[in-house]
């Protein structure tokens, strides 16, 4: 019980400290996670033991506010290769579900 009370208190104190800059504990956690190297939403969620959906929501807000940005790997890999990879995955899924 004390661990959960401490967690709640730390979040409240973190929110109070971050509020003057328009941030929240959730937002600074995501910002801290991407500070040194770009990470995926799933990697950030795993690092902080959060759900991917909650990190996605915060990341979307940070991007909207101009504090973070999504990098597109598709441009680096190329549309043709991505379409081929998608077609291959579709065939693998079909083979697995039809057996």
PDB file of N, CA and C in Angstrom:
ATOM      1  N   UNK A   1       0.816  -1.188   0.000  1.00  0.00           N
ATOM      2  CA  UNK A   1       0.000   0.000   0.000  1.00  0.00           C
ATOM      3  C   UNK A   1       0.867   1.262   0.000  1.00  0.00           C
ATOM      4  N   UNK A   2       1.919   1.238   0.793  1.00  0.00           N
ATOM      5  CA  UNK A   2       2.785   2.420   0.870  1.00  0.00           C
ATOM      6  C   UNK A   2       3.459   2.726  -0.460  1.00  0.00           C
ATOM      7  N   UNK A   3       3.790   1.675  -1.215  1.00  0.00           N
ATOM      8  CA  UNK A   3       4.417   1.892  -2.519  1.00  0.00           C
ATOM      9  C   UNK A   3       3.478   2.661  -3.437  1.00  0.00           C
ATOM     10  N   UNK A   4       2.195   2.298  -3.434  1.00  0.00           N
ATOM     11  CA  UNK A   4       1.219   2.988  -4.281  1.00  0.00           C
ATOM     12  C   UNK A   4       0.986   4.415  -3.810  1.00  0.00           C
ATOM     13  N   UNK A   5       0.978   4.617  -2.498  1.00  0.00           N
ATOM     14  CA  UNK A   5       0.824   5.982  -1.963  1.00  0.00           C
ATOM     15  C   UNK A   5       2.020   6.839  -2.364  1.00  0.00           C
ATOM     16  N   UNK A   6       3.233   6.255  -2.268  1.00  0.00           N
ATOM     17  CA  UNK A   6       4.437   6.981  -2.669  1.00  0.00           C
ATOM     18  C   UNK A   6       4.391   7.318  -4.153  1.00  0.00           C
ATOM     19  N   UNK A   7       3.979   6.373  -4.986  1.00  0.00           N
ATOM     20  CA  UNK A   7       3.862   6.628  -6.418  1.00  0.00           C
ATOM     21  C   UNK A   7       2.901   7.789  -6.676  1.00  0.00           C
ATOM     22  N   UNK A   8       1.756   7.778  -6.029  1.00  0.00           N
ATOM     23  CA  UNK A   8       0.793   8.868  -6.196  1.00  0.00           C
ATOM     24  C   UNK A   8       1.368  10.207  -5.767  1.00  0.00           C
ATOM     25  N   UNK A   9       2.096  10.200  -4.667  1.00  0.00           N
ATOM     26  CA  UNK A   9       2.706  11.439  -4.176  1.00  0.00           C
ATOM     27  C   UNK A   9       3.774  11.943  -5.142  1.00  0.00           C
ATOM     28  N   UNK A  10       4.604  11.041  -5.654  1.00  0.00           N
ATOM     29  CA  UNK A  10       5.642  11.442  -6.610  1.00  0.00           C
ATOM     30  C   UNK A  10       5.034  12.018  -7.882  1.00  0.00           C
ATOM     31  N   UNK A  11       3.955  11.432  -8.351  1.00  0.00           N
ATOM     32  CA  UNK A  11       3.284  11.959  -9.539  1.00  0.00           C
ATOM     33  C   UNK A  11       2.709  13.337  -9.252  1.00  0.00           C
ATOM     34  N   UNK A  12       2.081  13.506  -8.090  1.00  0.00           N
ATOM     35  CA  UNK A  12       1.507  14.807  -7.732  1.00  0.00           C
ATOM     36  C   UNK A  12       2.594  15.875  -7.627  1.00  0.00           C
ATOM     37  N   UNK A  13       3.709  15.543  -6.990  1.00  0.00           N
ATOM     38  CA  UNK A  13       4.808  16.494  -6.851  1.00  0.00           C
ATOM     39  C   UNK A  13       5.408  16.792  -8.230  1.00  0.00           C
ATOM     40  N   UNK A  14       5.577  15.754  -9.051  1.00  0.00           N
ATOM     41  CA  UNK A  14       6.104  15.953 -10.398  1.00  0.00           C
ATOM     42  C   UNK A  14       5.204  16.833 -11.234  1.00  0.00           C
ATOM     43  N   UNK A  15       3.888  16.611 -11.137  1.00  0.00           N
ATOM     44  CA  UNK A  15       2.942  17.457 -11.869  1.00  0.00           C
ATOM     45  C   UNK A  15       3.012  18.910 -11.403  1.00  0.00           C
ATOM     46  N   UNK A  16       3.136  19.099 -10.089  1.00  0.00           N
ATOM     47  CA  UNK A  16       3.221  20.461  -9.554  1.00  0.00           C
ATOM     48  C   UNK A  16       4.496  21.160 -10.037  1.00  0.00           C
ATOM     49  N   UNK A  17       5.601  20.417 -10.097  1.00  0.00           N
ATOM     50  CA  UNK A  17       6.862  21.007 -10.562  1.00  0.00           C
ATOM     51  C   UNK A  17       6.815  21.311 -12.059  1.00  0.00           C
ATOM     52  N   UNK A  18       6.139  20.459 -12.822  1.00  0.00           N
ATOM     53  CA  UNK A  18       6.112  20.617 -14.280  1.00  0.00           C
ATOM     54  C   UNK A  18       5.051  21.602 -14.752  1.00  0.00           C
ATOM     55  N   UNK A  19       4.056  21.882 -13.920  1.00  0.00           N
ATOM     56  CA  UNK A  19       2.924  22.721 -14.328  1.00  0.00           C
ATOM     57  C   UNK A  19       3.323  24.116 -14.820  1.00  0.00           C
ATOM     58  N   UNK A  20       4.259  24.815 -14.166  1.00  0.00           N
ATOM     59  CA  UNK A  20       4.598  26.159 -14.657  1.00  0.00           C
ATOM     60  C   UNK A  20       5.085  26.180 -16.109  1.00  0.00           C
ATOM     61  N   UNK A  21       5.660  25.072 -16.565  1.00  0.00           N
ATOM     62  CA  UNK A  21       6.134  25.023 -17.949  1.00  0.00           C
ATOM     63  C   UNK A  21       5.110  24.378 -18.872  1.00  0.00           C
ATOM     64  N   UNK A  22       3.904  24.132 -18.348  1.00  0.00           N
ATOM     65  CA  UNK A  22       2.843  23.552 -19.167  1.00  0.00           C
ATOM     66  C   UNK A  22       2.995  22.065 -19.394  1.00  0.00           C
ATOM     67  N   UNK A  23       3.762  21.415 -18.551  1.00  0.00           N
ATOM     68  CA  UNK A  23       3.995  19.978 -18.702  1.00  0.00           C
ATOM     69  C   UNK A  23       3.279  19.194 -17.600  1.00  0.00           C
ATOM     70  N   UNK A  24       3.301  17.873 -17.757  1.00  0.00           N
ATOM     71  CA  UNK A  24       2.792  16.960 -16.741  1.00  0.00           C
ATOM     72  C   UNK A  24       3.846  15.882 -16.532  1.00  0.00           C
ATOM     73  N   UNK A  25       3.666  15.095 -15.502  1.00  0.00           N
ATOM     74  CA  UNK A  25       4.591  13.997 -15.259  1.00  0.00           C
ATOM     75  C   UNK A  25       4.640  13.071 -16.461  1.00  0.00           C
ATOM     76  N   UNK A  26       3.486  12.768 -17.035  1.00  0.00           N
ATOM     77  CA  UNK A  26       3.442  11.880 -18.201  1.00  0.00           C
ATOM     78  C   UNK A  26       4.231  12.465 -19.366  1.00  0.00           C
ATOM     79  N   UNK A  27       4.083  13.752 -19.589  1.00  0.00           N
ATOM     80  CA  UNK A  27       4.775  14.392 -20.711  1.00  0.00           C
ATOM     81  C   UNK A  27       6.286  14.413 -20.490  1.00  0.00           C
ATOM     82  N   UNK A  28       6.742  14.754 -19.267  1.00  0.00           N
ATOM     83  CA  UNK A  28       8.185  14.804 -19.066  1.00  0.00           C
ATOM     84  C   UNK A  28       8.788  13.416 -19.082  1.00  0.00           C
ATOM     85  N   UNK A  29       8.019  12.388 -18.704  1.00  0.00           N
ATOM     86  CA  UNK A  29       8.535  11.016 -18.799  1.00  0.00           C
ATOM     87  C   UNK A  29       8.828  10.653 -20.257  1.00  0.00           C
ATOM     88  N   UNK A  30       7.903  10.983 -21.143  1.00  0.00           N
ATOM     89  CA  UNK A  30       8.102  10.673 -22.558  1.00  0.00           C
ATOM     90  C   UNK A  30       9.251  11.519 -23.115  1.00  0.00           C
ATOM     91  N   UNK A  31       9.282  12.789 -22.776  1.00  0.00           N
ATOM     92  CA  UNK A  31      10.379  13.645 -23.236  1.00  0.00           C
ATOM     93  C   UNK A  31      11.734  13.142 -22.730  1.00  0.00           C
ATOM     94  N   UNK A  32      11.777  12.701 -21.478  1.00  0.00           N
ATOM     95  CA  UNK A  32      13.032  12.181 -20.925  1.00  0.00           C
ATOM     96  C   UNK A  32      13.467  10.916 -21.656  1.00  0.00           C
ATOM     97  N   UNK A  33      12.507  10.100 -22.044  1.00  0.00           N
ATOM     98  CA  UNK A  33      12.826   8.838 -22.717  1.00  0.00           C
ATOM     99  C   UNK A  33      13.416   9.062 -24.102  1.00  0.00           C
ATOM    100  N   UNK A  34      13.050  10.154 -24.760  1.00  0.00           N
ATOM    101  CA  UNK A  34      13.558  10.398 -26.114  1.00  0.00           C
ATOM    102  C   UNK A  34      14.710  11.396 -26.119  1.00  0.00           C
ATOM    103  N   UNK A  35      15.211  11.733 -24.952  1.00  0.00           N
ATOM    104  CA  UNK A  35      16.248  12.756 -24.853  1.00  0.00           C
ATOM    105  C   UNK A  35      17.515  12.458 -25.612  1.00  0.00           C
ATOM    106  N   UNK A  36      18.041  11.247 -25.533  1.00  0.00           N
ATOM    107  CA  UNK A  36      19.333  10.944 -26.148  1.00  0.00           C
ATOM    108  C   UNK A  36      19.230  10.281 -27.512  1.00  0.00           C
ATOM    109  N   UNK A  37      18.213   9.470 -27.692  1.00  0.00           N
ATOM    110  CA  UNK A  37      18.096   8.724 -28.955  1.00  0.00           C
ATOM    111  C   UNK A  37      16.622   8.522 -29.269  1.00  0.00           C
ATOM    112  N   UNK A  38      16.301   8.506 -30.547  1.00  0.00           N
ATOM    113  CA  UNK A  38      14.898   8.274 -30.898  1.00  0.00           C
ATOM    114  C   UNK A  38      14.468   6.864 -30.504  1.00  0.00           C
ATOM    115  N   UNK A  39      13.317   6.770 -29.889  1.00  0.00           N
ATOM    116  CA  UNK A  39      12.736   5.488 -29.497  1.00  0.00           C
ATOM    117  C   UNK A  39      11.339   5.383 -30.071  1.00  0.00           C
ATOM    118  N   UNK A  40      10.878   4.167 -30.229  1.00  0.00           N
ATOM    119  CA  UNK A  40       9.498   3.986 -30.653  1.00  0.00           C
ATOM    120  C   UNK A  40       8.585   4.150 -29.448  1.00  0.00           C
ATOM    121  N   UNK A  41       7.314   4.356 -29.724  1.00  0.00           N
ATOM    122  CA  UNK A  41       6.322   4.459 -28.642  1.00  0.00           C
ATOM    123  C   UNK A  41       6.347   3.188 -27.801  1.00  0.00           C
ATOM    124  N   UNK A  42       6.436   2.039 -28.453  1.00  0.00           N
ATOM    125  CA  UNK A  42       6.457   0.766 -27.721  1.00  0.00           C
ATOM    126  C   UNK A  42       7.695   0.655 -26.820  1.00  0.00           C
ATOM    127  N   UNK A  43       8.840   1.125 -27.300  1.00  0.00           N
ATOM    128  CA  UNK A  43      10.057   1.086 -26.485  1.00  0.00           C
ATOM    129  C   UNK A  43       9.937   1.990 -25.255  1.00  0.00           C
ATOM    130  N   UNK A  44       9.343   3.158 -25.439  1.00  0.00           N
ATOM    131  CA  UNK A  44       9.138   4.063 -24.297  1.00  0.00           C
ATOM    132  C   UNK A  44       8.187   3.426 -23.302  1.00  0.00           C
ATOM    133  N   UNK A  45       7.117   2.835 -23.794  1.00  0.00           N
ATOM    134  CA  UNK A  45       6.141   2.190 -22.901  1.00  0.00           C
ATOM    135  C   UNK A  45       6.803   1.088 -22.084  1.00  0.00           C
ATOM    136  N   UNK A  46       7.612   0.266 -22.726  1.00  0.00           N
ATOM    137  CA  UNK A  46       8.294  -0.808 -21.998  1.00  0.00           C
ATOM    138  C   UNK A  46       9.260  -0.248 -20.961  1.00  0.00           C
ATOM    139  N   UNK A  47       9.994   0.804 -21.324  1.00  0.00           N
ATOM    140  CA  UNK A  47      10.981   1.391 -20.411  1.00  0.00           C
ATOM    141  C   UNK A  47      10.337   1.934 -19.143  1.00  0.00           C
ATOM    142  N   UNK A  48       9.139   2.496 -19.272  1.00  0.00           N
ATOM    143  CA  UNK A  48       8.446   3.102 -18.131  1.00  0.00           C
ATOM    144  C   UNK A  48       7.346   2.211 -17.556  1.00  0.00           C
ATOM    145  N   UNK A  49       7.188   0.999 -18.081  1.00  0.00           N
ATOM    146  CA  UNK A  49       6.140   0.082 -17.628  1.00  0.00           C
ATOM    147  C   UNK A  49       4.762   0.709 -17.782  1.00  0.00           C
ATOM    148  N   UNK A  50       4.536   1.326 -18.933  1.00  0.00           N
ATOM    149  CA  UNK A  50       3.259   1.956 -19.250  1.00  0.00           C
ATOM    150  C   UNK A  50       2.623   1.235 -20.423  1.00  0.00           C
ATOM    151  N   UNK A  51       1.350   1.496 -20.661  1.00  0.00           N
ATOM    152  CA  UNK A  51       0.716   0.918 -21.839  1.00  0.00           C
ATOM    153  C   UNK A  51       1.149   1.694 -23.071  1.00  0.00           C
ATOM    154  N   UNK A  52       1.240   0.994 -24.189  1.00  0.00           N
ATOM    155  CA  UNK A  52       1.620   1.641 -25.442  1.00  0.00           C
ATOM    156  C   UNK A  52       0.618   2.724 -25.802  1.00  0.00           C
ATOM    157  N   UNK A  53      -0.664   2.455 -25.531  1.00  0.00           N
ATOM    158  CA  UNK A  53      -1.709   3.418 -25.878  1.00  0.00           C
ATOM    159  C   UNK A  53      -1.557   4.723 -25.098  1.00  0.00           C
ATOM    160  N   UNK A  54      -1.207   4.636 -23.820  1.00  0.00           N
ATOM    161  CA  UNK A  54      -1.061   5.868 -23.039  1.00  0.00           C
ATOM    162  C   UNK A  54       0.143   6.677 -23.511  1.00  0.00           C
ATOM    163  N   UNK A  55       1.220   5.993 -23.861  1.00  0.00           N
ATOM    164  CA  UNK A  55       2.400   6.697 -24.381  1.00  0.00           C
ATOM    165  C   UNK A  55       2.086   7.295 -25.750  1.00  0.00           C
ATOM    166  N   UNK A  56       1.338   6.567 -26.574  1.00  0.00           N
ATOM    167  CA  UNK A  56       0.957   7.080 -27.901  1.00  0.00           C
ATOM    168  C   UNK A  56       0.170   8.375 -27.766  1.00  0.00           C
ATOM    169  N   UNK A  57      -0.766   8.399 -26.815  1.00  0.00           N
ATOM    170  CA  UNK A  57      -1.591   9.593 -26.599  1.00  0.00           C
ATOM    171  C   UNK A  57      -0.717  10.784 -26.207  1.00  0.00           C
ATOM    172  N   UNK A  58       0.205  10.576 -25.283  1.00  0.00           N
ATOM    173  CA  UNK A  58       1.090  11.652 -24.843  1.00  0.00           C
ATOM    174  C   UNK A  58       2.024  12.072 -25.975  1.00  0.00           C
ATOM    175  N   UNK A  59       2.560  11.104 -26.704  1.00  0.00           N
ATOM    176  CA  UNK A  59       3.457  11.424 -27.826  1.00  0.00           C
ATOM    177  C   UNK A  59       2.738  12.250 -28.882  1.00  0.00           C
ATOM    178  N   UNK A  60       1.492  11.895 -29.168  1.00  0.00           N
ATOM    179  CA  UNK A  60       0.721  12.663 -30.151  1.00  0.00           C
ATOM    180  C   UNK A  60       0.560  14.117 -29.716  1.00  0.00           C
ATOM    181  N   UNK A  61       0.323  14.333 -28.433  1.00  0.00           N
ATOM    182  CA  UNK A  61       0.169  15.697 -27.911  1.00  0.00           C
ATOM    183  C   UNK A  61       1.498  16.448 -27.991  1.00  0.00           C
ATOM    184  N   UNK A  62       2.586  15.776 -27.646  1.00  0.00           N
ATOM    185  CA  UNK A  62       3.902  16.416 -27.719  1.00  0.00           C
ATOM    186  C   UNK A  62       4.249  16.809 -29.152  1.00  0.00           C
ATOM    187  N   UNK A  63       3.913  15.952 -30.101  1.00  0.00           N
ATOM    188  CA  UNK A  63       4.144  16.281 -31.512  1.00  0.00           C
ATOM    189  C   UNK A  63       3.288  17.464 -31.924  1.00  0.00           C
ATOM    190  N   UNK A  64       2.003  17.435 -31.536  1.00  0.00           N
ATOM    191  CA  UNK A  64       1.092  18.541 -31.864  1.00  0.00           C
ATOM    192  C   UNK A  64       1.600  19.861 -31.298  1.00  0.00           C
ATOM    193  N   UNK A  65       2.190  19.807 -30.089  1.00  0.00           N
ATOM    194  CA  UNK A  65       2.702  21.018 -29.446  1.00  0.00           C
ATOM    195  C   UNK A  65       4.099  21.412 -29.943  1.00  0.00           C
ATOM    196  N   UNK A  66       4.670  20.642 -30.858  1.00  0.00           N
ATOM    197  CA  UNK A  66       5.976  20.968 -31.408  1.00  0.00           C
ATOM    198  C   UNK A  66       7.149  20.605 -30.514  1.00  0.00           C
ATOM    199  N   UNK A  67       6.933  19.769 -29.501  1.00  0.00           N
ATOM    200  CA  UNK A  67       8.001  19.400 -28.586  1.00  0.00           C
ATOM    201  C   UNK A  67       8.696  18.093 -28.973  1.00  0.00           C
ATOM    202  N   UNK A  68       8.106  17.371 -29.905  1.00  0.00           N
ATOM    203  CA  UNK A  68       8.687  16.118 -30.406  1.00  0.00           C
ATOM    204  C   UNK A  68       8.235  15.951 -31.846  1.00  0.00           C
ATOM    205  N   UNK A  69       8.837  15.019 -32.528  1.00  0.00           N
ATOM    206  CA  UNK A  69       8.402  14.749 -33.896  1.00  0.00           C
ATOM    207  C   UNK A  69       8.566  13.263 -34.181  1.00  0.00           C
ATOM    208  N   UNK A  70       7.731  12.767 -35.070  1.00  0.00           N
ATOM    209  CA  UNK A  70       7.842  11.392 -35.528  1.00  0.00           C
ATOM    210  C   UNK A  70       8.791  11.366 -36.718  1.00  0.00           C
ATOM    211  N   UNK A  71       9.674  10.380 -36.745  1.00  0.00           N
ATOM    212  CA  UNK A  71      10.571  10.209 -37.882  1.00  0.00           C
ATOM    213  C   UNK A  71      10.013   9.085 -38.740  1.00  0.00           C
ATOM    214  N   UNK A  72       9.985   9.298 -40.047  1.00  0.00           N
ATOM    215  CA  UNK A  72       9.437   8.293 -40.963  1.00  0.00           C
ATOM    216  C   UNK A  72      10.529   7.408 -41.501  1.00  0.00           C
ATOM    217  N   UNK A  73      10.510   6.136 -41.094  1.00  0.00           N
ATOM    218  CA  UNK A  73      11.472   5.183 -41.633  1.00  0.00           C
ATOM    219  C   UNK A  73      11.084   4.758 -43.031  1.00  0.00           C
ATOM    220  N   UNK A  74       9.813   4.962 -43.375  1.00  0.00           N
ATOM    221  CA  UNK A  74       9.344   4.590 -44.700  1.00  0.00           C
ATOM    222  C   UNK A  74      10.115   5.294 -45.801  1.00  0.00           C
ATOM    223  N   UNK A  75      10.448   6.550 -45.591  1.00  0.00           N
ATOM    224  CA  UNK A  75      11.197   7.300 -46.601  1.00  0.00           C
ATOM    225  C   UNK A  75      12.587   6.707 -46.786  1.00  0.00           C
ATOM    226  N   UNK A  76      13.177   6.225 -45.715  1.00  0.00           N
ATOM    227  CA  UNK A  76      14.512   5.641 -45.787  1.00  0.00           C
ATOM    228  C   UNK A  76      14.488   4.267 -46.453  1.00  0.00           C
ATOM    229  N   UNK A  77      13.458   3.476 -46.159  1.00  0.00           N
ATOM    230  CA  UNK A  77      13.364   2.119 -46.709  1.00  0.00           C
ATOM    231  C   UNK A  77      12.821   2.131 -48.129  1.00  0.00           C
ATOM    232  N   UNK A  78      11.860   2.971 -48.383  1.00  0.00           N
ATOM    233  CA  UNK A  78      11.270   3.067 -49.715  1.00  0.00           C
ATOM    234  C   UNK A  78       9.924   2.366 -49.798  1.00  0.00           C
ATOM    235  N   UNK A  79       9.030   2.974 -50.564  1.00  0.00           N
ATOM    236  CA  UNK A  79       7.665   2.465 -50.670  1.00  0.00           C
ATOM    237  C   UNK A  79       7.607   1.054 -51.247  1.00  0.00           C
ATOM    238  N   UNK A  80       8.404   0.781 -52.273  1.00  0.00           N
ATOM    239  CA  UNK A  80       8.359  -0.548 -52.911  1.00  0.00           C
ATOM    240  C   UNK A  80       8.741  -1.647 -51.927  1.00  0.00           C
ATOM    241  N   UNK A  81       9.787  -1.420 -51.138  1.00  0.00           N
ATOM    242  CA  UNK A  81      10.206  -2.439 -50.164  1.00  0.00           C
ATOM    243  C   UNK A  81       9.176  -2.605 -49.051  1.00  0.00           C
ATOM    244  N   UNK A  82       8.569  -1.490 -48.623  1.00  0.00           N
ATOM    245  CA  UNK A  82       7.537  -1.593 -47.590  1.00  0.00           C
ATOM    246  C   UNK A  82       6.322  -2.366 -48.090  1.00  0.00           C
ATOM    247  N   UNK A  83       5.921  -2.112 -49.330  1.00  0.00           N
ATOM    248  CA  UNK A  83       4.793  -2.852 -49.905  1.00  0.00           C
ATOM    249  C   UNK A  83       5.124  -4.340 -50.036  1.00  0.00           C
ATOM    250  N   UNK A  84       6.357  -4.649 -50.434  1.00  0.00           N
ATOM    251  CA  UNK A  84       6.775  -6.052 -50.535  1.00  0.00           C
ATOM    252  C   UNK A  84       6.775  -6.716 -49.158  1.00  0.00           C
ATOM    253  N   UNK A  85       7.270  -6.023 -48.159  1.00  0.00           N
ATOM    254  CA  UNK A  85       7.269  -6.565 -46.794  1.00  0.00           C
ATOM    255  C   UNK A  85       5.852  -6.814 -46.311  1.00  0.00           C
ATOM    256  N   UNK A  86       4.952  -5.884 -46.600  1.00  0.00           N
ATOM    257  CA  UNK A  86       3.556  -6.045 -46.215  1.00  0.00           C
ATOM    258  C   UNK A  86       2.927  -7.248 -46.924  1.00  0.00           C
ATOM    259  N   UNK A  87       3.221  -7.419 -48.205  1.00  0.00           N
ATOM    260  CA  UNK A  87       2.689  -8.557 -48.954  1.00  0.00           C
ATOM    261  C   UNK A  87       3.212  -9.872 -48.381  1.00  0.00           C
ATOM    262  N   UNK A  88       4.481  -9.895 -48.022  1.00  0.00           N
ATOM    263  CA  UNK A  88       5.063 -11.103 -47.432  1.00  0.00           C
ATOM    264  C   UNK A  88       4.411 -11.423 -46.086  1.00  0.00           C
ATOM    265  N   UNK A  89       4.230 -10.424 -45.252  1.00  0.00           N
ATOM    266  CA  UNK A  89       3.579 -10.642 -43.959  1.00  0.00           C
ATOM    267  C   UNK A  89       2.141 -11.126 -44.136  1.00  0.00           C
ATOM    268  N   UNK A  90       1.458 -10.588 -45.110  1.00  0.00           N
ATOM    269  CA  UNK A  90       0.081 -11.022 -45.390  1.00  0.00           C
ATOM    270  C   UNK A  90       0.080 -12.505 -45.763  1.00  0.00           C
ATOM    271  N   UNK A  91       1.021 -12.932 -46.604  1.00  0.00           N
ATOM    272  CA  UNK A  91       1.098 -14.348 -47.003  1.00  0.00           C
ATOM    273  C   UNK A  91       1.427 -15.230 -45.799  1.00  0.00           C
ATOM    274  N   UNK A  92       2.311 -14.779 -44.928  1.00  0.00           N
ATOM    275  CA  UNK A  92       2.656 -15.550 -43.725  1.00  0.00           C
ATOM    276  C   UNK A  92       1.428 -15.703 -42.840  1.00  0.00           C
ATOM    277  N   UNK A  93       0.696 -14.616 -42.622  1.00  0.00           N
ATOM    278  CA  UNK A  93      -0.510 -14.676 -41.799  1.00  0.00           C
ATOM    279  C   UNK A  93      -1.548 -15.604 -42.406  1.00  0.00           C
ATOM    280  N   UNK A  94      -1.733 -15.516 -43.711  1.00  0.00           N
ATOM    281  CA  UNK A  94      -2.708 -16.396 -44.385  1.00  0.00           C
ATOM    282  C   UNK A  94      -2.317 -17.856 -44.237  1.00  0.00           C
ATOM    283  N   UNK A  95      -1.018 -18.141 -44.363  1.00  0.00           N
ATOM    284  CA  UNK A  95      -0.545 -19.523 -44.230  1.00  0.00           C
ATOM    285  C   UNK A  95      -0.751 -20.038 -42.807  1.00  0.00           C
ATOM    286  N   UNK A  96      -0.504 -19.187 -41.837  1.00  0.00           N
ATOM    287  CA  UNK A  96      -0.664 -19.602 -40.443  1.00  0.00           C
ATOM    288  C   UNK A  96      -2.122 -19.803 -40.064  1.00  0.00           C
ATOM    289  N   UNK A  97      -2.989 -18.961 -40.579  1.00  0.00           N
ATOM    290  CA  UNK A  97      -4.406 -19.071 -40.198  1.00  0.00           C
ATOM    291  C   UNK A  97      -5.160 -20.108 -40.999  1.00  0.00           C
ATOM    292  N   UNK A  98      -4.603 -20.550 -42.135  1.00  0.00           N
ATOM    293  CA  UNK A  98      -5.316 -21.555 -42.941  1.00  0.00           C
ATOM    294  C   UNK A  98      -4.894 -22.972 -42.588  1.00  0.00           C
ATOM    295  N   UNK A  99      -3.865 -23.127 -41.767  1.00  0.00           N
ATOM    296  CA  UNK A  99      -3.433 -24.469 -41.446  1.00  0.00           C
ATOM    297  C   UNK A  99      -4.227 -25.113 -40.339  1.00  0.00           C
TER     298      UNK A  99
END
